[in-house]
Protein backbone atom coordinates (compact mmCIF):
# COMPACT_ATOMS: atom_id res chain seq x y z
CA MET A 1 -7.88 -31.85 18.40
CA ALA A 2 -4.42 -30.87 17.83
CA LEU A 3 -3.76 -28.59 14.61
CA GLU A 4 -1.86 -30.45 11.91
CA LYS A 5 1.93 -29.80 11.46
CA ALA A 6 3.20 -26.94 8.97
CA VAL A 7 5.06 -28.16 6.00
CA ILE A 8 7.33 -26.36 3.76
CA THR A 9 7.61 -28.18 0.27
CA ASN A 10 10.20 -27.52 -2.50
CA LEU A 11 7.80 -27.44 -5.61
CA ASP A 12 11.01 -27.92 -7.65
CA THR A 13 11.93 -31.28 -5.88
CA ASN A 14 8.45 -32.12 -4.14
CA ASP A 15 10.61 -32.64 -0.93
CA GLU A 16 8.53 -31.83 1.95
CA ILE A 17 9.93 -30.41 5.38
CA PRO A 18 7.90 -30.83 8.45
CA VAL A 19 8.19 -28.10 11.02
CA LEU A 20 9.07 -29.42 14.49
CA PHE A 21 6.83 -27.07 16.36
CA ASN A 22 4.19 -25.02 14.77
CA PRO A 23 4.68 -21.42 15.05
CA LYS A 24 2.76 -19.30 17.50
CA GLU A 25 1.93 -16.68 14.99
CA TYR A 26 2.20 -15.39 11.67
CA VAL A 27 2.18 -12.25 10.00
CA ILE A 28 0.94 -11.72 6.46
CA GLU A 29 2.05 -8.16 4.89
CA LYS A 30 0.84 -6.62 1.81
CA LYS A 31 2.14 -3.04 0.43
CA THR A 32 0.56 -0.75 -2.46
CA PRO A 33 3.26 1.78 -3.48
CA TRP A 34 2.34 5.08 -5.13
CA SER A 35 4.60 7.52 -6.51
CA GLU A 36 4.78 10.96 -6.77
CA MET A 37 4.52 12.61 -9.99
CA ASN A 38 6.44 15.76 -10.89
CA VAL A 39 3.98 18.39 -12.20
CA PHE A 40 5.38 22.14 -11.86
CA GLY A 41 2.70 24.69 -10.21
CA LEU A 42 1.03 22.48 -7.90
CA ASP A 43 1.27 22.83 -3.99
CA SER A 44 1.22 18.93 -3.61
CA PRO A 45 2.18 16.69 -6.51
CA PRO A 46 -0.21 14.05 -7.48
CA VAL A 47 0.25 10.25 -6.85
CA GLN A 48 0.02 7.36 -9.34
CA PHE A 49 0.09 3.75 -8.64
CA THR A 50 2.74 1.97 -10.47
CA MET A 51 2.66 -1.70 -9.51
CA GLY A 52 1.86 -3.70 -6.29
CA GLU A 53 4.04 -5.43 -4.31
CA ARG A 54 3.97 -9.18 -3.40
CA LYS A 55 2.72 -10.29 -0.05
CA ARG A 56 5.24 -11.25 2.53
CA LEU A 57 4.81 -14.00 5.14
CA THR A 58 6.90 -13.78 8.40
CA MET A 59 7.11 -16.16 11.63
CA GLU A 60 9.38 -17.59 13.70
CA LEU A 61 10.15 -21.23 13.99
CA PHE A 62 11.20 -22.83 17.11
CA PHE A 63 13.71 -26.07 17.01
CA ASP A 64 14.54 -27.85 20.28
CA THR A 65 16.60 -31.21 20.43
CA SER A 66 17.54 -30.84 23.86
CA GLU A 67 15.97 -34.26 24.99
CA GLU A 68 17.75 -36.30 21.72
CA LYS A 69 20.80 -34.24 22.67
CA THR A 70 21.20 -34.12 18.88
CA ASP A 71 22.66 -31.23 16.69
CA VAL A 72 19.40 -29.04 16.00
CA ARG A 73 21.37 -28.02 12.59
CA GLU A 74 20.14 -31.30 11.20
CA HIS A 75 16.87 -29.45 11.06
CA THR A 76 17.87 -25.73 10.64
CA ASN A 77 20.32 -26.71 7.79
CA LYS A 78 17.18 -28.02 5.65
CA ILE A 79 15.60 -24.61 6.23
CA GLU A 80 18.86 -22.84 5.01
CA ASN A 81 19.20 -25.04 2.15
CA LEU A 82 15.86 -23.37 0.93
CA MET A 83 17.76 -20.32 0.24
CA MET A 84 20.35 -22.19 -1.77
CA VAL A 85 20.61 -21.90 -5.72
CA ASN A 86 19.14 -24.85 -7.72
CA ALA A 87 22.16 -25.85 -10.00
CA GLN A 88 19.25 -26.72 -12.85
CA GLU A 89 16.84 -23.80 -12.37
CA HIS A 90 19.90 -21.15 -11.49
CA ARG A 91 17.66 -19.80 -8.73
CA PRO A 92 16.44 -20.74 -4.99
CA PRO A 93 13.58 -23.33 -5.30
CA ILE A 94 9.97 -22.42 -5.45
CA LEU A 95 8.23 -23.45 -2.13
CA ARG A 96 4.69 -23.80 -0.54
CA PHE A 97 4.02 -23.10 3.01
CA SER A 98 1.09 -25.28 4.22
CA TRP A 99 -0.49 -25.15 7.41
CA GLY A 100 -4.62 -25.98 8.22
CA ASN A 101 -6.17 -23.87 5.58
CA LEU A 102 -3.23 -21.65 4.53
CA SER A 103 -1.29 -22.43 1.49
CA PHE A 104 1.42 -19.45 0.52
CA GLU A 105 3.12 -20.32 -2.79
CA CYS A 106 6.46 -18.57 -2.31
CA VAL A 107 10.28 -18.16 -2.06
CA LEU A 108 12.28 -17.63 1.18
CA GLU A 109 13.30 -14.03 0.91
CA ASP A 110 15.11 -13.89 4.41
CA LEU A 111 16.55 -16.43 7.33
CA VAL A 112 17.59 -15.18 10.46
CA GLN A 113 18.92 -17.96 13.03
CA ARG A 114 19.33 -17.42 16.73
CA PHE A 115 20.89 -20.59 18.63
CA THR A 116 20.13 -20.47 22.42
CA LEU A 117 21.23 -23.65 23.99
CA PHE A 118 24.20 -26.02 23.73
CA THR A 119 25.90 -28.92 25.07
CA ASN A 120 29.39 -28.42 26.67
CA ASP A 121 31.17 -28.96 23.44
CA GLY A 122 29.28 -26.10 21.85
CA THR A 123 26.61 -28.36 19.72
CA PRO A 124 23.25 -26.34 19.58
CA LEU A 125 20.37 -27.79 20.84
CA ARG A 126 18.11 -25.17 20.44
CA ALA A 127 17.11 -22.63 17.69
CA ILE A 128 14.67 -19.93 16.91
CA LEU A 129 14.29 -18.94 13.20
CA LYS A 130 12.75 -15.78 12.00
CA VAL A 131 11.79 -16.74 8.27
CA VAL A 132 10.18 -14.38 5.69
CA PHE A 133 8.24 -16.02 2.72
CA LYS A 134 7.63 -13.67 -0.31
CA GLU A 135 4.88 -14.55 -2.60
CA TYR A 136 5.70 -16.18 -5.74
CA ALA A 137 3.62 -16.02 -9.06
CA THR A 138 4.41 -16.04 -12.60
CA ALA A 139 3.60 -12.94 -14.60
CA ALA A 140 1.48 -15.31 -16.83
CA ALA A 141 -0.40 -16.64 -13.87
CA GLN A 142 -1.03 -12.94 -13.09
CA LEU A 143 -2.05 -11.81 -16.31
CA SER A 144 -4.48 -14.58 -16.70
CA ASN A 145 -6.06 -14.08 -13.31
CA THR A 146 -6.56 -9.91 -13.70
CA ARG A 147 -8.88 -7.98 -15.78
CA ARG A 148 -6.23 -5.10 -16.77
CA GLU A 149 -9.01 -3.34 -18.80
CA SER A 150 -10.75 -0.44 -17.00
CA ALA A 151 -14.24 -1.76 -17.72
CA ASP A 152 -16.42 0.52 -16.09
CA HIS A 153 -14.91 3.80 -15.22
CA THR A 154 -12.44 6.38 -16.73
CA LYS A 155 -9.20 6.58 -15.25
CA ARG A 156 -6.81 10.02 -15.21
CA MET A 157 -3.15 9.90 -14.74
CA VAL A 158 -0.16 12.28 -15.49
CA ILE A 159 2.40 11.13 -17.93
CA ARG A 160 5.74 10.28 -16.53
CA GLU A 161 9.10 11.14 -17.95
CA GLY A 162 10.08 8.26 -20.43
CA GLU A 163 6.38 7.26 -20.87
CA SER A 164 4.51 7.18 -23.98
CA ILE A 165 0.79 6.72 -24.98
CA SER A 166 1.65 2.98 -26.30
CA SER A 167 3.61 1.89 -22.88
CA ILE A 168 0.56 3.43 -20.87
CA ALA A 169 -1.90 1.52 -22.83
CA ALA A 170 0.34 -1.72 -22.95
CA ARG A 171 0.27 -1.19 -18.83
CA GLU A 172 -3.29 -0.28 -18.55
CA TYR A 173 -5.09 -2.34 -21.31
CA ASN A 174 -2.23 -4.94 -21.71
CA ASP A 175 -2.31 -3.98 -25.16
CA PRO A 176 0.05 -1.43 -26.86
CA GLY A 177 -1.84 -1.08 -29.85
CA LYS A 178 -4.40 0.63 -27.79
CA TRP A 179 -2.78 4.06 -27.86
CA ARG A 180 -5.25 5.19 -30.38
CA VAL A 181 -8.28 4.84 -27.80
CA ILE A 182 -6.07 7.20 -25.49
CA ALA A 183 -5.28 9.55 -28.23
CA GLU A 184 -8.77 9.73 -29.54
CA ALA A 185 -10.06 10.38 -26.04
CA ASN A 186 -7.85 12.98 -25.21
CA HIS A 187 -7.57 14.81 -28.60
CA ILE A 188 -4.06 13.97 -29.03
CA GLU A 189 -2.61 14.58 -32.42
CA ASP A 190 0.63 13.54 -32.35
CA PRO A 191 0.79 10.89 -29.74
CA GLU A 192 5.07 10.71 -30.05
CA ASN A 193 5.09 14.03 -28.60
CA VAL A 194 3.44 14.11 -25.44
CA LYS A 195 5.24 15.87 -22.86
CA PRO A 196 5.64 14.81 -19.27
CA GLY A 197 3.27 16.18 -16.73
CA THR A 198 0.34 15.92 -19.25
CA ILE A 199 -2.81 14.36 -17.45
CA VAL A 200 -4.66 12.04 -19.69
CA GLU A 201 -7.79 9.93 -19.77
CA LEU A 202 -7.77 6.41 -19.99
CA PRO A 203 -11.38 5.65 -21.04
CA PRO A 204 -13.16 2.12 -20.31
CA LEU A 205 -12.89 -0.54 -22.91
CA TYR A 206 -16.05 -2.11 -23.88
């Protein structure tokens, strides 16, 4: 039984673009960056998680109109248009790539078009498009699906330049007012005067 056609849906307009030939493979990439803290007197700097990066879905799409002898750009231009700014939204469209049980809400971040077959007058008949889709999710959706509290264990982190107890509380507990919890747990008398490089504990919230 043949696998169903992959489809790229423009979620702004609900227009669907069926992929001419299904990709041979796809790659999903996810990175979790850690930053090094500048703490004097240590042999190696401690690392601290900052924020996650979005997933990337990479593949090659194949287009061939050599039998019909028509311009293959009639198909590839539809993909290129997914990177154009929507006049009403002031941004390129939000997309969904669907294939089998894969459903990936995303934007088209990178596109490389390679044309490999032509008619005598130079009309392209075959193209290979390398596409990189970047995962899309609003901040509100992520916050509603992610528990930001450290519910069952105590965390330790190094205060960076420009950070405050309240900014850490906002990031870790999703509530800047929870700075008192951090201050009390670390016996901080002056929360407005905590030096960069200070190691603080973030207790769980119950």
